[in-house]
């Protein structure tokens, strides 16, 4: 019986330094995304205020 099942193939475990680098990249992207979303929300809030004041 041959073992050609793709589920049985596993990826080699990432080295700890690769995991740390990936975690740092993801954290930076998350922080940038949050900053961008907050800026968009502030922009919408400012636009809503200016619409209601006129």
N, C-alpha and C. Protein backbone atom coordinates (compact mmCIF):
# COMPACT_ATOMS: atom_id res chain seq x y z
N UNK A 1 0.85 -1.18 0.00
CA UNK A 1 0.00 0.00 0.00
C UNK A 1 0.89 1.24 0.00
N UNK A 2 0.63 2.14 -0.95
CA UNK A 2 1.44 3.36 -1.03
C UNK A 2 0.78 4.48 -0.25
N UNK A 3 1.59 5.39 0.17
CA UNK A 3 1.09 6.50 0.98
C UNK A 3 1.11 7.77 0.13
N UNK A 4 0.18 7.89 -0.82
CA UNK A 4 0.11 9.05 -1.70
C UNK A 4 -0.96 10.04 -1.25
N UNK A 5 -1.45 9.85 -0.07
CA UNK A 5 -2.48 10.73 0.46
C UNK A 5 -1.89 12.11 0.74
N UNK A 6 -2.41 13.19 0.10
CA UNK A 6 -1.83 14.52 0.33
C UNK A 6 -1.96 14.99 1.78
N UNK A 7 -2.92 14.46 2.51
CA UNK A 7 -3.08 14.85 3.90
C UNK A 7 -1.93 14.36 4.77
N UNK A 8 -1.29 13.28 4.32
CA UNK A 8 -0.21 12.71 5.12
C UNK A 8 1.07 13.53 5.00
N UNK A 9 1.16 14.36 3.95
CA UNK A 9 2.35 15.19 3.79
C UNK A 9 2.21 16.41 4.70
N UNK A 10 3.22 16.64 5.48
CA UNK A 10 3.18 17.80 6.37
C UNK A 10 4.30 18.75 6.01
N UNK A 11 4.07 20.00 6.27
CA UNK A 11 5.10 20.99 6.04
C UNK A 11 6.10 20.91 7.17
N UNK A 12 7.35 21.19 6.88
CA UNK A 12 8.33 21.20 7.98
C UNK A 12 8.01 22.36 8.93
N UNK A 13 8.26 22.15 10.19
CA UNK A 13 7.98 23.18 11.18
C UNK A 13 8.86 24.39 10.95
N UNK A 14 8.27 25.56 11.10
CA UNK A 14 9.02 26.80 10.93
C UNK A 14 10.00 26.96 12.08
N UNK A 15 11.13 27.51 11.77
CA UNK A 15 12.13 27.76 12.81
C UNK A 15 11.65 28.89 13.70
N UNK A 16 12.07 28.90 14.94
CA UNK A 16 11.62 29.95 15.88
C UNK A 16 11.90 31.36 15.39
N UNK A 17 13.04 31.59 14.74
CA UNK A 17 13.33 32.94 14.26
C UNK A 17 12.40 33.33 13.12
N UNK A 18 11.99 32.36 12.30
CA UNK A 18 11.03 32.64 11.23
C UNK A 18 9.66 32.95 11.83
N UNK A 19 9.30 32.22 12.86
CA UNK A 19 8.01 32.48 13.52
C UNK A 19 8.00 33.87 14.15
N UNK A 20 9.09 34.25 14.78
CA UNK A 20 9.17 35.56 15.41
C UNK A 20 9.11 36.67 14.36
N UNK A 21 9.78 36.47 13.24
CA UNK A 21 9.75 37.47 12.17
C UNK A 21 8.34 37.59 11.60
N UNK A 22 7.68 36.47 11.43
CA UNK A 22 6.31 36.49 10.91
C UNK A 22 5.38 37.19 11.89
N UNK A 23 5.54 36.88 13.16
CA UNK A 23 4.71 37.50 14.18
C UNK A 23 4.93 39.01 14.21
N UNK A 24 6.16 39.44 14.05
CA UNK A 24 6.46 40.88 14.04
C UNK A 24 5.84 41.54 12.81
N UNK A 25 5.94 40.88 11.66
CA UNK A 25 5.32 41.43 10.44
C UNK A 25 3.82 41.56 10.60
N UNK A 26 3.19 40.51 11.12
CA UNK A 26 1.74 40.54 11.30
C UNK A 26 1.32 41.60 12.30
N UNK A 27 2.09 41.76 13.37
CA UNK A 27 1.78 42.79 14.36
C UNK A 27 1.88 44.17 13.74
N UNK A 28 2.90 44.40 12.92
CA UNK A 28 3.06 45.70 12.26
C UNK A 28 1.91 45.97 11.29
N UNK A 29 1.50 44.95 10.55
CA UNK A 29 0.39 45.11 9.62
C UNK A 29 -0.91 45.39 10.36
N UNK A 30 -1.11 44.71 11.48
CA UNK A 30 -2.31 44.91 12.28
C UNK A 30 -2.35 46.34 12.83
N UNK A 31 -1.21 46.81 13.31
CA UNK A 31 -1.13 48.16 13.86
C UNK A 31 -1.41 49.20 12.76
N UNK A 32 -0.85 49.00 11.58
CA UNK A 32 -1.08 49.92 10.47
C UNK A 32 -2.54 49.90 10.04
N UNK A 33 -3.14 48.73 10.02
CA UNK A 33 -4.54 48.61 9.65
C UNK A 33 -5.43 49.34 10.65
N UNK A 34 -5.16 49.16 11.94
CA UNK A 34 -5.94 49.82 12.97
C UNK A 34 -5.81 51.34 12.85
N UNK A 35 -4.59 51.81 12.61
CA UNK A 35 -4.35 53.24 12.47
C UNK A 35 -5.14 53.79 11.28
N UNK A 36 -5.13 53.07 10.17
CA UNK A 36 -5.86 53.49 8.97
C UNK A 36 -7.36 53.52 9.22
N UNK A 37 -7.87 52.50 9.88
CA UNK A 37 -9.31 52.44 10.17
C UNK A 37 -9.74 53.56 11.10
N UNK A 38 -8.91 53.87 12.09
CA UNK A 38 -9.23 54.98 13.00
C UNK A 38 -9.26 56.30 12.25
N UNK A 39 -8.32 56.50 11.34
CA UNK A 39 -8.29 57.73 10.55
C UNK A 39 -9.53 57.82 9.67
N UNK A 40 -9.94 56.71 9.09
CA UNK A 40 -11.15 56.71 8.27
C UNK A 40 -12.37 57.04 9.12
N UNK A 41 -12.45 56.49 10.32
CA UNK A 41 -13.59 56.74 11.20
C UNK A 41 -13.62 58.21 11.61
N UNK A 42 -12.44 58.77 11.91
CA UNK A 42 -12.38 60.19 12.27
C UNK A 42 -12.82 61.06 11.10
N UNK A 43 -12.40 60.69 9.91
CA UNK A 43 -12.80 61.43 8.71
C UNK A 43 -14.29 61.39 8.49
N UNK A 44 -14.88 60.22 8.71
CA UNK A 44 -16.34 60.11 8.57
C UNK A 44 -17.06 60.93 9.63
N UNK A 45 -16.56 60.91 10.84
CA UNK A 45 -17.18 61.67 11.93
C UNK A 45 -17.09 63.16 11.64
N UNK A 46 -15.96 63.62 11.14
CA UNK A 46 -15.80 65.03 10.80
C UNK A 46 -16.73 65.41 9.66
N UNK A 47 -16.89 64.53 8.68
CA UNK A 47 -17.78 64.81 7.54
C UNK A 47 -19.23 64.87 8.03
N UNK A 48 -19.59 63.99 8.95
CA UNK A 48 -20.95 64.01 9.48
C UNK A 48 -21.22 65.30 10.25
N UNK A 49 -20.25 65.76 11.02
CA UNK A 49 -20.42 67.01 11.77
C UNK A 49 -20.59 68.18 10.83
N UNK A 50 -19.79 68.24 9.78
CA UNK A 50 -19.87 69.38 8.86
C UNK A 50 -21.18 69.34 8.09
N UNK A 51 -21.73 68.16 7.81
CA UNK A 51 -23.00 68.05 7.12
C UNK A 51 -24.15 68.55 7.99
N UNK A 52 -24.09 68.29 9.28
CA UNK A 52 -25.19 68.67 10.15
C UNK A 52 -25.11 70.13 10.58
N UNK A 53 -23.94 70.75 10.48
CA UNK A 53 -23.77 72.14 10.89
C UNK A 53 -24.27 73.11 9.85
N UNK A 54 -24.35 72.72 8.62
CA UNK A 54 -24.73 73.68 7.57
C UNK A 54 -26.21 73.81 7.42
